[in-house]
Protein backbone atom coordinates (compact mmCIF):
# COMPACT_ATOMS: atom_id res chain seq x y z
CA UNK A 1 0.00 0.00 0.00
CA UNK A 2 3.02 2.30 0.39
CA UNK A 3 3.15 2.60 -3.40
CA UNK A 4 -0.11 4.61 -3.63
CA UNK A 5 1.78 7.86 -3.44
CA UNK A 6 5.20 8.19 -4.99
CA UNK A 7 7.98 9.51 -2.78
CA UNK A 8 6.15 9.22 0.51
CA UNK A 9 6.15 6.65 3.33
CA UNK A 10 2.51 7.23 4.30
CA UNK A 11 0.14 6.35 1.43
CA UNK A 12 -2.58 8.67 2.74
CA UNK A 13 -0.35 11.77 3.00
CA UNK A 14 -1.40 14.00 0.11
CA UNK A 15 0.59 17.21 0.10
CA UNK A 16 0.37 19.20 -3.16
CA UNK A 17 3.99 18.45 -4.08
CA UNK A 18 3.51 14.68 -3.84
CA UNK A 19 2.08 12.97 -6.93
CA UNK A 20 -0.63 10.43 -6.19
CA UNK A 21 -0.25 7.06 -7.89
CA UNK A 22 -3.77 7.16 -9.24
CA UNK A 23 -3.55 3.75 -10.93
CA UNK A 24 -2.67 2.11 -7.61
CA UNK A 25 -5.45 3.99 -5.83
CA UNK A 26 -7.95 2.90 -8.49
CA UNK A 27 -6.76 -0.71 -8.22
CA UNK A 28 -6.80 -0.70 -4.40
CA UNK A 29 -10.31 0.75 -4.29
CA UNK A 30 -11.66 -1.50 -7.04
CA UNK A 31 -12.53 1.50 -9.21
CA UNK A 32 -9.97 1.08 -12.02
CA UNK A 33 -12.40 -0.53 -14.47
CA UNK A 34 -15.06 2.09 -13.70
CA UNK A 35 -12.54 4.86 -14.42
CA UNK A 36 -11.52 3.17 -17.69
CA UNK A 37 -15.17 2.75 -18.67
CA UNK A 38 -15.78 6.43 -17.97
CA UNK A 39 -12.77 7.35 -20.09
CA UNK A 40 -14.06 5.23 -22.97
CA UNK A 41 -17.50 6.83 -22.66
CA UNK A 42 -15.97 10.31 -22.66
CA UNK A 43 -13.96 9.50 -25.78
CA UNK A 44 -17.08 8.20 -27.54
CA UNK A 45 -18.99 11.33 -26.52
CA UNK A 46 -16.25 13.58 -27.88
CA UNK A 47 -16.26 11.81 -31.24
CA UNK A 48 -13.16 11.06 -33.28
CA UNK A 49 -10.09 12.73 -31.79
CA UNK A 50 -6.43 12.67 -32.77
CA UNK A 51 -4.38 10.37 -30.54
CA UNK A 52 -2.77 13.29 -28.69
CA UNK A 53 -6.15 14.87 -27.93
CA UNK A 54 -7.47 11.52 -26.67
CA UNK A 55 -4.49 11.15 -24.35
CA UNK A 56 -4.91 14.71 -23.10
CA UNK A 57 -8.59 14.05 -22.35
CA UNK A 58 -7.76 10.98 -20.26
CA UNK A 59 -4.91 12.74 -18.46
CA UNK A 60 -7.18 15.69 -17.71
CA UNK A 61 -9.69 13.26 -16.17
CA UNK A 62 -6.94 11.78 -14.01
CA UNK A 63 -5.81 15.25 -12.93
CA UNK A 64 -9.39 16.20 -12.09
CA UNK A 65 -9.90 13.03 -10.04
CA UNK A 66 -6.61 13.58 -8.23
CA UNK A 67 -7.66 17.13 -7.39
CA UNK A 68 -11.00 15.85 -6.12
CA UNK A 69 -9.34 13.25 -3.88
CA UNK A 70 -6.94 15.84 -2.47
CA UNK A 71 -9.78 18.29 -1.79
CA UNK A 72 -11.86 15.64 -0.05
CA UNK A 73 -8.90 14.57 2.07
CA UNK A 74 -8.24 18.19 3.10
CA UNK A 75 -11.91 18.68 3.92
CA UNK A 76 -12.05 15.51 6.03
CA UNK A 77 -8.55 15.75 7.49
CA UNK A 78 -7.60 12.14 6.72
CA UNK A 79 -8.27 9.45 4.13
CA UNK A 80 -8.67 5.70 4.39
CA UNK A 81 -8.90 3.32 1.43
CA UNK A 82 -12.63 3.16 2.12
CA UNK A 83 -12.84 6.97 1.92
CA UNK A 84 -10.89 6.97 -1.35
CA UNK A 85 -13.28 4.34 -2.75
CA UNK A 86 -16.37 6.35 -1.80
CA UNK A 87 -14.95 9.64 -3.12
CA UNK A 88 -13.72 8.06 -6.35
CA UNK A 89 -17.02 6.29 -6.99
CA UNK A 90 -19.00 9.47 -6.36
CA UNK A 91 -16.74 11.40 -8.75
CA UNK A 92 -17.13 8.74 -11.47
CA UNK A 93 -20.91 8.53 -10.97
CA UNK A 94 -21.27 12.32 -11.26
CA UNK A 95 -19.38 12.33 -14.55
CA UNK A 96 -21.34 9.36 -15.89
CA UNK A 97 -24.57 11.21 -15.12
CA UNK A 98 -23.25 14.32 -16.85
CA UNK A 99 -22.48 12.25 -19.95
CA UNK A 100 -26.04 11.00 -20.12
CA UNK A 101 -27.40 14.55 -19.74
CA UNK A 102 -25.45 16.08 -22.57
CA UNK A 103 -22.13 17.50 -23.77
CA UNK A 104 -19.19 17.15 -21.40
CA UNK A 105 -17.88 20.34 -19.89
CA UNK A 106 -14.23 20.63 -18.87
CA UNK A 107 -11.32 18.44 -19.81
CA UNK A 108 -8.98 20.96 -21.37
CA UNK A 109 -7.44 19.40 -24.45
CA UNK A 110 -4.91 22.15 -25.04
C-alpha atoms as a PDB file:
ATOM      1  CA  UNK A   1       0.000   0.000   0.000  1.00  0.00           C
ATOM      2  CA  UNK A   2       3.020   2.297   0.394  1.00  0.00           C
ATOM      3  CA  UNK A   3       3.145   2.600  -3.404  1.00  0.00           C
ATOM      4  CA  UNK A   4      -0.111   4.609  -3.628  1.00  0.00           C
ATOM      5  CA  UNK A   5       1.782   7.864  -3.442  1.00  0.00           C
ATOM      6  CA  UNK A   6       5.204   8.193  -4.987  1.00  0.00           C
ATOM      7  CA  UNK A   7       7.982   9.512  -2.778  1.00  0.00           C
ATOM      8  CA  UNK A   8       6.149   9.215   0.512  1.00  0.00           C
ATOM      9  CA  UNK A   9       6.146   6.653   3.333  1.00  0.00           C
ATOM     10  CA  UNK A  10       2.510   7.232   4.302  1.00  0.00           C
ATOM     11  CA  UNK A  11       0.136   6.349   1.429  1.00  0.00           C
ATOM     12  CA  UNK A  12      -2.578   8.670   2.737  1.00  0.00           C
ATOM     13  CA  UNK A  13      -0.353  11.765   3.000  1.00  0.00           C
ATOM     14  CA  UNK A  14      -1.397  13.998   0.107  1.00  0.00           C
ATOM     15  CA  UNK A  15       0.595  17.213   0.095  1.00  0.00           C
ATOM     16  CA  UNK A  16       0.373  19.204  -3.157  1.00  0.00           C
ATOM     17  CA  UNK A  17       3.987  18.454  -4.080  1.00  0.00           C
ATOM     18  CA  UNK A  18       3.508  14.678  -3.839  1.00  0.00           C
ATOM     19  CA  UNK A  19       2.076  12.965  -6.926  1.00  0.00           C
ATOM     20  CA  UNK A  20      -0.633  10.429  -6.192  1.00  0.00           C
ATOM     21  CA  UNK A  21      -0.249   7.063  -7.895  1.00  0.00           C
ATOM     22  CA  UNK A  22      -3.775   7.161  -9.241  1.00  0.00           C
ATOM     23  CA  UNK A  23      -3.554   3.752 -10.928  1.00  0.00           C
ATOM     24  CA  UNK A  24      -2.671   2.111  -7.609  1.00  0.00           C
ATOM     25  CA  UNK A  25      -5.454   3.987  -5.830  1.00  0.00           C
ATOM     26  CA  UNK A  26      -7.953   2.901  -8.490  1.00  0.00           C
ATOM     27  CA  UNK A  27      -6.758  -0.708  -8.218  1.00  0.00           C
ATOM     28  CA  UNK A  28      -6.803  -0.698  -4.401  1.00  0.00           C
ATOM     29  CA  UNK A  29     -10.310   0.751  -4.295  1.00  0.00           C
ATOM     30  CA  UNK A  30     -11.657  -1.502  -7.040  1.00  0.00           C
ATOM     31  CA  UNK A  31     -12.531   1.503  -9.208  1.00  0.00           C
ATOM     32  CA  UNK A  32      -9.974   1.081 -12.020  1.00  0.00           C
ATOM     33  CA  UNK A  33     -12.401  -0.534 -14.466  1.00  0.00           C
ATOM     34  CA  UNK A  34     -15.063   2.089 -13.703  1.00  0.00           C
ATOM     35  CA  UNK A  35     -12.538   4.861 -14.422  1.00  0.00           C
ATOM     36  CA  UNK A  36     -11.521   3.165 -17.689  1.00  0.00           C
ATOM     37  CA  UNK A  37     -15.174   2.745 -18.667  1.00  0.00           C
ATOM     38  CA  UNK A  38     -15.778   6.432 -17.970  1.00  0.00           C
ATOM     39  CA  UNK A  39     -12.766   7.346 -20.091  1.00  0.00           C
ATOM     40  CA  UNK A  40     -14.064   5.230 -22.975  1.00  0.00           C
ATOM     41  CA  UNK A  41     -17.500   6.828 -22.663  1.00  0.00           C
ATOM     42  CA  UNK A  42     -15.967  10.314 -22.658  1.00  0.00           C
ATOM     43  CA  UNK A  43     -13.957   9.501 -25.778  1.00  0.00           C
ATOM     44  CA  UNK A  44     -17.079   8.198 -27.536  1.00  0.00           C
ATOM     45  CA  UNK A  45     -18.991  11.333 -26.518  1.00  0.00           C
ATOM     46  CA  UNK A  46     -16.246  13.575 -27.885  1.00  0.00           C
ATOM     47  CA  UNK A  47     -16.257  11.808 -31.242  1.00  0.00           C
ATOM     48  CA  UNK A  48     -13.161  11.058 -33.283  1.00  0.00           C
ATOM     49  CA  UNK A  49     -10.089  12.732 -31.795  1.00  0.00           C
ATOM     50  CA  UNK A  50      -6.433  12.666 -32.768  1.00  0.00           C
ATOM     51  CA  UNK A  51      -4.375  10.373 -30.536  1.00  0.00           C
ATOM     52  CA  UNK A  52      -2.766  13.289 -28.691  1.00  0.00           C
ATOM     53  CA  UNK A  53      -6.150  14.868 -27.928  1.00  0.00           C
ATOM     54  CA  UNK A  54      -7.468  11.520 -26.674  1.00  0.00           C
ATOM     55  CA  UNK A  55      -4.495  11.147 -24.351  1.00  0.00           C
ATOM     56  CA  UNK A  56      -4.912  14.709 -23.095  1.00  0.00           C
ATOM     57  CA  UNK A  57      -8.585  14.046 -22.352  1.00  0.00           C
ATOM     58  CA  UNK A  58      -7.762  10.975 -20.264  1.00  0.00           C
ATOM     59  CA  UNK A  59      -4.905  12.738 -18.457  1.00  0.00           C
ATOM     60  CA  UNK A  60      -7.179  15.689 -17.707  1.00  0.00           C
ATOM     61  CA  UNK A  61      -9.694  13.262 -16.171  1.00  0.00           C
ATOM     62  CA  UNK A  62      -6.943  11.778 -14.015  1.00  0.00           C
ATOM     63  CA  UNK A  63      -5.812  15.252 -12.931  1.00  0.00           C
ATOM     64  CA  UNK A  64      -9.391  16.200 -12.094  1.00  0.00           C
ATOM     65  CA  UNK A  65      -9.900  13.026 -10.040  1.00  0.00           C
ATOM     66  CA  UNK A  66      -6.605  13.575  -8.234  1.00  0.00           C
ATOM     67  CA  UNK A  67      -7.664  17.132  -7.386  1.00  0.00           C
ATOM     68  CA  UNK A  68     -11.000  15.847  -6.125  1.00  0.00           C
ATOM     69  CA  UNK A  69      -9.342  13.251  -3.883  1.00  0.00           C
ATOM     70  CA  UNK A  70      -6.943  15.841  -2.472  1.00  0.00           C
ATOM     71  CA  UNK A  71      -9.778  18.287  -1.787  1.00  0.00           C
ATOM     72  CA  UNK A  72     -11.863  15.635  -0.049  1.00  0.00           C
ATOM     73  CA  UNK A  73      -8.902  14.574   2.071  1.00  0.00           C
ATOM     74  CA  UNK A  74      -8.237  18.189   3.105  1.00  0.00           C
ATOM     75  CA  UNK A  75     -11.914  18.676   3.921  1.00  0.00           C
ATOM     76  CA  UNK A  76     -12.050  15.506   6.025  1.00  0.00           C
ATOM     77  CA  UNK A  77      -8.547  15.751   7.489  1.00  0.00           C
ATOM     78  CA  UNK A  78      -7.603  12.142   6.716  1.00  0.00           C
ATOM     79  CA  UNK A  79      -8.268   9.452   4.131  1.00  0.00           C
ATOM     80  CA  UNK A  80      -8.673   5.697   4.386  1.00  0.00           C
ATOM     81  CA  UNK A  81      -8.904   3.325   1.433  1.00  0.00           C
ATOM     82  CA  UNK A  82     -12.631   3.160   2.116  1.00  0.00           C
ATOM     83  CA  UNK A  83     -12.836   6.970   1.917  1.00  0.00           C
ATOM     84  CA  UNK A  84     -10.888   6.968  -1.348  1.00  0.00           C
ATOM     85  CA  UNK A  85     -13.281   4.342  -2.746  1.00  0.00           C
ATOM     86  CA  UNK A  86     -16.375   6.353  -1.805  1.00  0.00           C
ATOM     87  CA  UNK A  87     -14.949   9.639  -3.117  1.00  0.00           C
ATOM     88  CA  UNK A  88     -13.723   8.055  -6.347  1.00  0.00           C
ATOM     89  CA  UNK A  89     -17.015   6.287  -6.994  1.00  0.00           C
ATOM     90  CA  UNK A  90     -19.003   9.471  -6.357  1.00  0.00           C
ATOM     91  CA  UNK A  91     -16.740  11.404  -8.751  1.00  0.00           C
ATOM     92  CA  UNK A  92     -17.128   8.737 -11.471  1.00  0.00           C
ATOM     93  CA  UNK A  93     -20.906   8.532 -10.970  1.00  0.00           C
ATOM     94  CA  UNK A  94     -21.268  12.320 -11.263  1.00  0.00           C
ATOM     95  CA  UNK A  95     -19.377  12.331 -14.546  1.00  0.00           C
ATOM     96  CA  UNK A  96     -21.341   9.363 -15.888  1.00  0.00           C
ATOM     97  CA  UNK A  97     -24.571  11.211 -15.123  1.00  0.00           C
ATOM     98  CA  UNK A  98     -23.247  14.325 -16.849  1.00  0.00           C
ATOM     99  CA  UNK A  99     -22.479  12.250 -19.955  1.00  0.00           C
ATOM    100  CA  UNK A 100     -26.037  10.998 -20.122  1.00  0.00           C
ATOM    101  CA  UNK A 101     -27.403  14.554 -19.737  1.00  0.00           C
ATOM    102  CA  UNK A 102     -25.447  16.083 -22.574  1.00  0.00           C
ATOM    103  CA  UNK A 103     -22.126  17.504 -23.767  1.00  0.00           C
ATOM    104  CA  UNK A 104     -19.189  17.150 -21.403  1.00  0.00           C
ATOM    105  CA  UNK A 105     -17.883  20.343 -19.887  1.00  0.00           C
ATOM    106  CA  UNK A 106     -14.229  20.634 -18.874  1.00  0.00           C
ATOM    107  CA  UNK A 107     -11.323  18.439 -19.813  1.00  0.00           C
ATOM    108  CA  UNK A 108      -8.976  20.961 -21.373  1.00  0.00           C
ATOM    109  CA  UNK A 109      -7.440  19.398 -24.446  1.00  0.00           C
ATOM    110  CA  UNK A 110      -4.910  22.150 -25.041  1.00  0.00           C
END
